[in-house]
Amino acid sequence: MAALMGLDVAAGENPVASPTVSAQDQARLDEIAALMPQRPRQSKAAWADALKAARPDLSAADAAIIVGAIKGDIAKRAAFQVVPAQLRND
């Protein structure tokens, strides 16, 4: 099916439809991804966790777009469940 859609899955193109992102947001997400690229054999989930550790303000939605995963799956990960100290009302 991906071949019918003109996607090259072997080259890493994701056949799952991704959300529409403005050019400005895409440039921001590309910059984040470039600063912490996916390591060989690193899962999408582990990459999302690493991105969150490096950028505590990164949302699950943005991480999902960067790594090519489903937002809900990323949002359920422990790294995205932690509320940063500056956002807590202690």
Protein backbone atom coordinates (compact mmCIF):
# COMPACT_ATOMS: atom_id res chain seq x y z
CA MET A 1 0.00 0.00 0.00
CA ALA A 2 2.84 2.42 0.82
CA ALA A 3 4.20 1.89 -2.68
CA LEU A 4 0.82 2.90 -4.07
CA MET A 5 1.03 6.11 -2.07
CA GLY A 6 4.45 6.91 -3.53
CA LEU A 7 6.28 6.40 -0.23
CA ASP A 8 9.66 4.75 0.11
CA VAL A 9 9.30 2.82 3.37
CA ALA A 10 12.83 1.45 3.06
CA ALA A 11 14.12 5.05 3.07
CA GLY A 12 12.23 5.77 6.28
CA GLU A 13 9.16 7.44 4.85
CA ASN A 14 6.25 6.74 7.15
CA PRO A 15 3.08 5.42 5.47
CA VAL A 16 1.00 6.58 8.47
CA ALA A 17 -0.51 9.98 7.82
CA SER A 18 1.17 12.62 9.92
CA PRO A 19 -0.53 15.73 11.24
CA THR A 20 -0.30 18.88 9.20
CA VAL A 21 2.40 21.16 10.60
CA SER A 22 3.15 24.72 9.56
CA ALA A 23 6.44 25.37 7.81
CA GLN A 24 7.64 27.32 10.86
CA ASP A 25 6.79 24.49 13.26
CA GLN A 26 8.33 21.90 10.94
CA ALA A 27 11.56 23.92 10.82
CA ARG A 28 11.59 24.02 14.63
CA LEU A 29 11.00 20.27 14.88
CA ASP A 30 13.66 19.57 12.24
CA GLU A 31 16.14 21.63 14.27
CA ILE A 32 15.36 19.64 17.43
CA ALA A 33 15.75 16.37 15.53
CA ALA A 34 19.06 17.51 14.05
CA LEU A 35 20.43 18.33 17.50
CA MET A 36 19.62 14.82 18.73
CA PRO A 37 19.33 12.41 15.79
CA GLN A 38 18.08 8.87 16.22
CA ARG A 39 20.93 6.49 16.98
CA PRO A 40 21.31 3.24 15.04
CA ARG A 41 18.86 0.58 16.29
CA GLN A 42 17.27 3.08 18.72
CA SER A 43 13.51 2.63 18.91
CA LYS A 44 11.19 5.54 18.23
CA ALA A 45 10.08 5.42 21.86
CA ALA A 46 13.64 5.56 23.18
CA TRP A 47 14.42 8.41 20.80
CA ALA A 48 11.35 10.31 22.03
CA ASP A 49 12.52 9.79 25.63
CA ALA A 50 15.99 11.10 24.75
CA LEU A 51 14.48 14.14 23.03
CA LYS A 52 12.35 14.84 26.11
CA ALA A 53 15.36 14.51 28.43
CA ALA A 54 17.27 17.02 26.30
CA ARG A 55 14.29 19.34 25.86
CA PRO A 56 11.99 19.17 28.93
CA ASP A 57 9.55 21.58 27.27
CA LEU A 58 9.00 19.21 24.32
CA SER A 59 5.39 18.07 24.07
CA ALA A 60 4.33 14.51 23.34
CA ALA A 61 2.68 15.76 20.15
CA ASP A 62 5.90 17.37 18.92
CA ALA A 63 8.00 14.35 19.89
CA ALA A 64 5.58 12.06 18.05
CA ILE A 65 5.90 14.16 14.89
CA ILE A 66 9.70 14.13 15.11
CA VAL A 67 10.03 10.39 15.65
CA GLY A 68 7.11 9.37 13.43
CA ALA A 69 5.01 7.77 16.16
CA ILE A 70 1.47 8.06 17.46
CA LYS A 71 1.00 10.93 19.91
CA GLY A 72 -1.00 8.84 22.39
CA ASP A 73 1.72 6.20 22.54
CA ILE A 74 4.38 8.82 23.28
CA ALA A 75 2.17 10.65 25.80
CA LYS A 76 1.81 7.44 27.85
CA ARG A 77 5.59 7.12 28.31
CA ALA A 78 6.99 7.95 31.74
CA ALA A 79 9.23 10.70 30.36
CA PHE A 80 6.15 12.59 29.21
CA GLN A 81 4.18 12.02 32.41
CA VAL A 82 6.58 14.01 34.57
CA VAL A 83 5.57 17.61 35.22
CA PRO A 84 8.62 19.90 35.17
CA ALA A 85 9.33 21.61 38.49
CA GLN A 86 8.75 25.06 37.03
CA LEU A 87 5.19 24.06 36.10
CA ARG A 88 4.26 22.51 39.45
CA ASN A 89 2.38 24.41 42.15
CA ASP A 90 4.33 23.17 45.14
